[in-house]
Protein backbone atom coordinates (compact mmCIF):
# COMPACT_ATOMS: atom_id res chain seq x y z
CA MET A 1 28.54 107.23 -69.33
CA LYS A 2 25.72 106.06 -70.94
CA PRO A 3 22.98 105.40 -68.00
CA PHE A 4 23.60 101.28 -68.12
CA ARG A 5 21.07 98.26 -66.63
CA TYR A 6 22.82 96.78 -63.25
CA VAL A 7 21.73 93.41 -62.79
CA ARG A 8 22.82 90.99 -59.75
CA PRO A 9 21.85 87.45 -60.66
CA ALA A 10 22.02 84.09 -57.65
CA SER A 11 22.75 82.14 -60.22
CA LEU A 12 24.40 81.11 -63.67
CA ALA A 13 21.34 80.13 -65.16
CA GLU A 14 19.23 83.74 -64.00
CA ALA A 15 23.03 85.19 -65.37
CA ALA A 16 22.54 83.59 -68.83
CA GLU A 17 18.95 84.61 -68.88
CA ALA A 18 19.62 88.62 -67.93
CA HIS A 19 22.53 88.92 -70.52
CA GLY A 20 19.78 87.53 -73.56
CA GLY A 21 22.43 87.53 -75.73
CA ARG A 22 22.13 90.54 -77.17
CA PRO A 23 24.56 92.75 -78.12
CA GLY A 24 23.86 95.60 -75.61
CA SER A 25 24.79 93.16 -72.36
CA ALA A 26 27.91 93.00 -70.64
CA TYR A 27 29.59 90.30 -68.28
CA LEU A 28 31.02 92.12 -65.21
CA ALA A 29 33.44 90.72 -62.51
CA GLY A 30 36.71 92.41 -61.25
CA GLY A 31 35.79 95.09 -63.55
CA THR A 32 39.45 95.92 -63.21
CA ASN A 33 39.19 96.53 -67.60
CA LEU A 34 35.57 96.82 -68.41
CA VAL A 35 34.79 99.70 -66.17
CA ASP A 36 38.34 101.57 -67.57
CA LEU A 37 36.56 101.34 -70.81
CA MET A 38 33.34 102.48 -69.82
CA LYS A 39 34.33 105.89 -68.39
CA LEU A 40 36.81 105.91 -71.35
CA GLY A 41 32.91 105.32 -73.07
CA VAL A 42 35.22 103.09 -75.41
CA ALA A 43 32.71 100.09 -74.22
CA ARG A 44 28.77 101.08 -73.76
CA PRO A 45 26.94 98.15 -72.55
CA ASP A 46 23.33 99.66 -71.19
CA THR A 47 22.74 95.74 -69.60
CA LEU A 48 26.27 94.89 -66.92
CA VAL A 49 25.05 91.04 -65.65
CA ASP A 50 27.49 90.97 -62.23
CA VAL A 51 28.42 87.38 -61.98
CA ALA A 52 31.46 88.32 -59.32
CA ARG A 53 30.33 86.59 -56.41
CA LEU A 54 28.93 83.33 -58.99
CA LEU A 55 32.24 82.51 -60.73
CA PRO A 56 33.42 79.51 -59.43
CA ALA A 57 36.47 80.41 -57.59
CA GLY A 58 38.11 77.41 -56.13
CA VAL A 59 41.50 75.91 -57.72
CA GLU A 60 40.88 71.86 -57.81
CA ALA A 61 42.94 68.84 -58.95
CA THR A 62 41.54 67.27 -61.77
CA ALA A 63 41.52 63.26 -61.82
CA SER A 64 43.42 63.49 -64.90
CA GLY A 65 46.75 64.70 -62.54
CA GLY A 66 45.74 68.58 -63.80
CA VAL A 67 44.20 71.55 -61.92
CA ARG A 68 40.98 73.21 -62.61
CA VAL A 69 41.29 77.11 -61.91
CA GLY A 70 37.72 78.88 -61.49
CA ALA A 71 36.99 82.04 -63.63
CA GLY A 72 36.79 84.05 -60.02
CA VAL A 73 40.17 83.40 -58.60
CA ARG A 74 41.46 86.43 -58.02
CA GLY A 75 45.55 87.22 -59.38
CA SER A 76 47.23 87.32 -56.15
CA ASP A 77 45.27 84.16 -54.78
CA LEU A 78 46.40 82.36 -58.40
CA ALA A 79 50.26 82.88 -58.21
CA ALA A 80 50.47 81.94 -54.85
CA HIS A 81 48.50 79.02 -54.92
CA PRO A 82 49.40 75.41 -54.11
CA LEU A 83 48.52 73.60 -56.50
CA ALA A 84 49.36 75.95 -59.05
CA GLY A 85 51.10 79.12 -59.22
CA ALA A 86 53.81 77.78 -56.55
CA ARG A 87 54.23 74.29 -58.95
CA CYS A 88 54.51 75.88 -61.29
CA PRO A 89 57.18 78.98 -62.16
CA VAL A 90 55.82 80.45 -65.27
CA LEU A 91 52.41 81.03 -64.15
CA ALA A 92 53.57 82.95 -60.75
CA GLN A 93 56.26 85.09 -62.74
CA ALA A 94 53.99 85.52 -65.21
CA LEU A 95 51.11 86.77 -62.71
CA LEU A 96 53.22 88.70 -59.92
CA SER A 97 54.39 90.89 -63.57
CA GLY A 98 50.80 92.14 -64.75
CA ALA A 99 49.45 95.09 -63.12
CA SER A 100 50.00 96.80 -59.73
CA GLY A 101 49.10 94.29 -56.47
CA GLN A 102 46.13 95.95 -56.22
CA LEU A 103 44.69 94.99 -58.98
CA ARG A 104 46.24 91.45 -58.98
CA ASN A 105 43.84 91.46 -55.72
CA ALA A 106 41.25 92.31 -57.76
CA ALA A 107 41.43 91.13 -61.52
CA THR A 108 40.06 87.31 -62.23
CA THR A 109 41.66 84.69 -63.88
CA GLY A 110 38.95 84.69 -66.21
CA GLY A 111 38.84 88.86 -66.85
CA ASN A 112 42.45 88.58 -67.53
CA LEU A 113 41.55 86.23 -70.27
CA LEU A 114 39.13 88.63 -72.25
CA GLN A 115 40.50 91.91 -71.04
CA ARG A 116 41.39 93.87 -74.09
CA THR A 117 43.70 95.90 -76.23
CA ARG A 118 45.47 99.28 -74.63
CA CYS A 119 46.58 100.60 -78.23
CA GLY A 120 45.59 103.88 -77.09
CA TYR A 121 44.02 104.17 -80.26
CA PHE A 122 41.17 101.66 -79.25
CA GLN A 123 41.31 103.32 -76.17
CA ASP A 124 39.69 107.11 -78.14
CA VAL A 125 36.62 107.42 -79.15
CA SER A 126 38.00 110.77 -81.15
CA LYS A 127 39.97 108.09 -83.76
CA PRO A 128 39.13 105.39 -85.81
CA CYS A 129 39.82 102.09 -84.57
CA ASN A 130 38.67 98.86 -86.30
CA LYS A 131 39.04 97.13 -82.95
CA ARG A 132 36.11 99.93 -81.73
CA ASP A 133 34.07 100.47 -84.55
CA PRO A 134 34.11 98.49 -87.86
CA GLY A 135 35.80 99.72 -91.33
CA SER A 136 36.41 103.05 -89.57
CA GLY A 137 39.64 102.28 -90.40
CA CYS A 138 43.33 101.68 -87.78
CA ALA A 139 44.98 105.22 -87.02
CA ALA A 140 48.06 102.60 -85.44
CA LEU A 141 48.73 101.51 -89.09
CA ASP A 142 50.40 105.05 -89.94
CA GLY A 143 50.58 106.49 -86.04
CA ALA A 144 52.41 105.77 -83.27
CA ASN A 145 53.09 101.93 -83.26
CA ARG A 146 56.04 101.50 -81.27
CA GLU A 147 54.05 99.23 -78.97
CA HIS A 148 51.99 97.06 -81.69
CA ALA A 149 52.29 93.99 -83.21
CA VAL A 150 55.31 92.69 -85.58
CA LEU A 151 53.32 89.09 -85.50
CA GLY A 152 49.86 87.56 -87.33
CA HIS A 153 48.19 90.94 -87.47
CA SER A 154 46.20 91.91 -90.44
CA PRO A 155 46.22 95.51 -92.82
CA LEU A 156 42.75 96.15 -90.01
CA CYS A 157 44.28 96.20 -86.70
CA VAL A 158 48.14 96.19 -85.58
CA ALA A 159 46.85 96.17 -82.06
CA THR A 160 48.76 93.57 -79.12
CA HIS A 161 47.63 92.01 -76.20
CA PRO A 162 48.18 93.01 -73.15
CA SER A 163 47.81 89.78 -70.30
CA ASP A 164 50.71 88.27 -69.46
CA LEU A 165 48.60 85.24 -67.71
CA ALA A 166 47.83 84.52 -71.39
CA VAL A 167 50.98 84.06 -72.45
CA ALA A 168 52.01 81.70 -69.77
CA LEU A 169 48.48 79.60 -70.53
CA SER A 170 49.94 79.33 -73.70
CA ALA A 171 53.10 77.89 -73.05
CA LEU A 172 50.99 75.35 -70.37
CA ASP A 173 49.11 74.18 -73.44
CA ALA A 174 46.26 75.45 -71.37
CA GLU A 175 42.85 75.11 -72.07
CA VAL A 176 39.11 77.59 -71.30
CA GLU A 177 36.00 76.18 -70.58
CA VAL A 178 32.70 78.06 -71.56
CA THR A 179 29.24 77.77 -70.69
CA GLY A 180 26.75 79.50 -72.64
CA GLY A 181 23.00 78.36 -73.81
CA ASP A 182 24.59 75.43 -75.32
CA GLY A 183 25.88 74.24 -72.16
CA ILE A 184 29.60 73.82 -71.75
CA ARG A 185 32.52 73.22 -73.86
CA THR A 186 36.65 73.38 -73.79
CA VAL A 187 38.87 75.30 -76.35
CA PRO A 188 42.71 75.27 -76.63
CA LEU A 189 43.48 78.69 -75.19
CA ASP A 190 45.13 79.17 -78.76
CA GLY A 191 41.94 78.81 -80.37
CA PHE A 192 40.12 80.85 -77.49
CA LEU A 193 42.35 83.76 -78.59
CA ARG A 194 42.15 85.00 -82.13
CA LEU A 195 43.99 87.20 -84.77
CA PRO A 196 42.87 90.14 -86.08
CA GLY A 197 42.24 88.83 -89.45
CA GLU A 198 38.86 90.87 -91.59
CA ARG A 199 37.64 91.14 -88.01
CA PRO A 200 39.51 92.68 -85.54
CA GLU A 201 36.68 93.37 -83.34
CA GLN A 202 36.40 90.11 -81.93
CA ASP A 203 39.12 88.85 -80.26
CA THR A 204 37.78 85.49 -78.72
CA THR A 205 35.50 82.38 -79.82
CA LEU A 206 32.97 83.48 -77.50
CA ARG A 207 29.56 83.72 -79.24
CA HIS A 208 27.62 86.46 -77.36
CA GLY A 209 26.44 85.31 -74.45
CA GLU A 210 28.80 83.11 -73.04
CA LEU A 211 30.99 83.54 -69.94
CA VAL A 212 34.06 81.65 -69.23
CA THR A 213 33.82 79.83 -66.25
CA ALA A 214 37.15 77.97 -65.94
CA VAL A 215 41.27 77.75 -66.91
CA LEU A 216 42.32 74.07 -66.73
CA LEU A 217 45.75 73.07 -66.39
CA PRO A 218 47.22 69.88 -67.73
CA PRO A 219 48.99 67.65 -65.43
CA GLY A 220 52.01 68.49 -68.24
CA ALA A 221 52.56 72.25 -66.44
CA PHE A 222 53.78 70.91 -63.55
CA GLY A 223 57.49 70.07 -62.50
CA ALA A 224 58.75 71.10 -65.37
CA PRO A 225 61.40 73.63 -65.27
CA SER A 226 59.83 76.38 -66.70
CA ALA A 227 60.09 80.63 -67.03
CA TYR A 228 58.42 83.92 -67.77
CA ARG A 229 60.27 86.77 -68.14
CA LYS A 230 58.93 90.90 -69.74
CA ALA A 231 60.15 93.34 -70.69
CA ARG A 232 58.57 96.68 -70.43
CA ASP A 233 59.18 100.54 -70.00
CA ARG A 234 59.26 100.71 -66.66
CA ALA A 235 58.98 97.90 -64.23
CA SER A 236 56.41 98.72 -62.16
CA TYR A 237 52.93 98.73 -63.32
CA ALA A 238 53.49 98.61 -67.38
CA PHE A 239 52.30 96.17 -70.20
CA ALA A 240 54.91 94.01 -72.01
CA LEU A 241 56.73 95.01 -74.81
CA ALA A 242 58.21 92.20 -75.48
CA SER A 243 57.43 88.60 -73.23
CA ALA A 244 58.63 85.20 -73.34
CA ALA A 245 56.94 82.12 -71.72
CA ALA A 246 58.64 79.04 -71.99
CA VAL A 247 59.15 75.63 -71.15
CA LEU A 248 61.84 72.72 -71.43
CA GLU A 249 62.96 69.42 -70.33
CA THR A 250 66.06 67.65 -71.25
CA ARG A 251 66.36 63.69 -71.38
CA ASP A 252 70.22 62.45 -71.54
CA GLY A 253 71.08 65.97 -73.12
CA LEU A 254 68.82 66.72 -76.20
CA VAL A 255 65.48 68.37 -75.81
CA SER A 256 62.33 65.87 -74.80
CA ARG A 257 59.84 68.80 -74.37
CA VAL A 258 59.69 72.17 -75.06
CA ALA A 259 57.28 75.23 -75.53
CA LEU A 260 57.54 78.78 -75.93
CA ALA A 261 55.10 81.55 -76.08
CA PHE A 262 55.48 85.59 -77.19
CA GLY A 263 54.00 88.18 -75.69
CA GLY A 264 53.42 91.66 -76.69
CA LEU A 265 54.47 90.71 -80.35
CA ALA A 266 50.90 89.71 -81.59
CA HIS A 267 46.73 90.33 -81.59
CA ARG A 268 46.80 87.10 -79.00
CA PRO A 269 49.88 85.18 -76.69
CA TRP A 270 52.04 83.64 -80.31
CA ARG A 271 52.77 80.04 -79.93
CA ALA A 272 56.60 79.56 -81.80
CA ARG A 273 56.25 75.73 -83.27
CA ALA A 274 58.63 76.78 -85.66
CA ALA A 275 61.34 76.95 -83.30
CA GLU A 276 60.16 74.35 -80.42
CA GLU A 277 60.19 72.07 -83.44
CA ARG A 278 63.62 73.03 -84.75
CA LEU A 279 65.12 72.67 -80.62
CA LEU A 280 63.42 69.11 -80.39
CA GLY A 281 65.65 66.13 -79.69
CA ARG A 282 68.32 68.53 -80.32
CA ARG A 283 71.26 69.40 -77.42
CA PRO A 284 69.93 73.11 -76.49
CA THR A 285 73.18 75.38 -77.24
CA PRO A 286 73.57 78.00 -78.05
CA GLU A 287 74.03 78.49 -81.42
CA ALA A 288 70.57 75.90 -81.84
CA VAL A 289 68.90 78.75 -79.44
CA ARG A 290 69.36 81.36 -81.47
CA ALA A 291 68.98 79.40 -84.61
CA ALA A 292 65.82 78.36 -83.41
CA VAL A 293 63.97 81.54 -82.35
CA ASP A 294 65.86 83.67 -85.40
CA ALA A 295 63.77 81.26 -87.40
CA GLU A 296 60.47 81.89 -85.40
CA LEU A 297 61.11 85.24 -85.90
CA GLU A 298 62.26 85.34 -89.22
CA ALA A 299 58.02 85.91 -90.38
CA ALA A 300 58.17 89.55 -88.40
CA ARG A 301 56.77 92.07 -90.60
CA PRO A 302 57.30 95.68 -88.08
CA LEU A 303 55.83 98.60 -88.07
CA ARG A 304 57.40 101.97 -88.76
CA ASP A 305 58.00 102.40 -84.63
CA ASN A 306 58.75 98.83 -83.73
CA ALA A 307 61.48 96.62 -85.47
CA PHE A 308 63.59 96.83 -82.22
CA LYS A 309 60.40 94.19 -80.81
CA VAL A 310 61.79 91.67 -82.64
CA LEU A 311 65.60 92.13 -81.39
CA LEU A 312 63.84 92.40 -77.73
CA ALA A 313 61.01 89.00 -78.42
CA GLY A 314 64.13 86.72 -79.31
CA ASN A 315 66.54 87.93 -76.22
CA LEU A 316 64.02 87.35 -73.77
CA ALA A 317 62.95 83.73 -75.48
CA ARG A 318 67.04 83.20 -75.76
CA ASP A 319 67.77 83.73 -72.26
CA VAL A 320 64.67 82.08 -71.05
CA LEU A 321 65.50 78.86 -73.09
CA ALA A 322 69.78 78.83 -72.18
CA GLY A 323 68.28 79.31 -68.45
CA LEU A 324 65.86 76.69 -68.00
CA ALA A 325 68.27 74.35 -70.47
CA GLY A 326 71.41 74.25 -67.38
CA PRO A 327 73.58 72.16 -67.89
CA ALA A 328 72.26 70.51 -70.92
CA ARG A 329 73.42 72.92 -73.39
CA ASP A 330 76.82 72.20 -73.36
């Protein structure tokens, strides 16, 4: 492991000063991803700024009726919190399907969103990877790509985002609060996490030195029927081959609100806008749901080994939406 300087500041202002926006600096909170990457030689910071004690760790109701989740809130706590996970099934289900209980006790909400891909080529410093070493190539394109992207990828990167929580937050229209030298700004989650394009090394739209300080859940996140389903190679502690998070409300038998997001298919949670548009205002019959999901997945571009993901994701989405529609689908 490369030697590094460890700083434990007394305030977020001191943390920003210690970080300094330098490329060799990194913030440390739960450390469940960063420390692993340091051990592998993928991440090689020269300065670690420990913000674990400084990040907001509360869950609070907002004046608008939503909820503000501090970036330091641990996954296990968020899943069971009476203001959040206990009132929002899709959120709790996504959190509890991720990692192990021990890791959920350590991992933070902010860190969950910032975790890096689990692509084996990214984690192997002997292999070319544009995300780890821009311009070196993408070994996954012609390599073992069973677990890789089928939507939104580019010739430079076919990695997927590993977070379960992020998929649920996408379906809930969550926003991310970011703090930096220019103050506080709020970014929609789908504008915070990025597709690879020509810059796959950039996972987010964070400016260097900025810090995620909270996640904001809108009032509409609570009360509506919602659910999360995940398919993985084993039942415990495995990342999604495909997953689906959905929110569905009906009025007089017609869909009055719908949100659908896929995980395990792209560089970020894939919000299924085409499917949502086709379902809104219609009766959620099995035929209508199937047509909507199929229309969304027409954009898929499978790689050599992962065409099965398209079918798998479609089945998950149809199952989740059918369960939420209940009697209204008949």
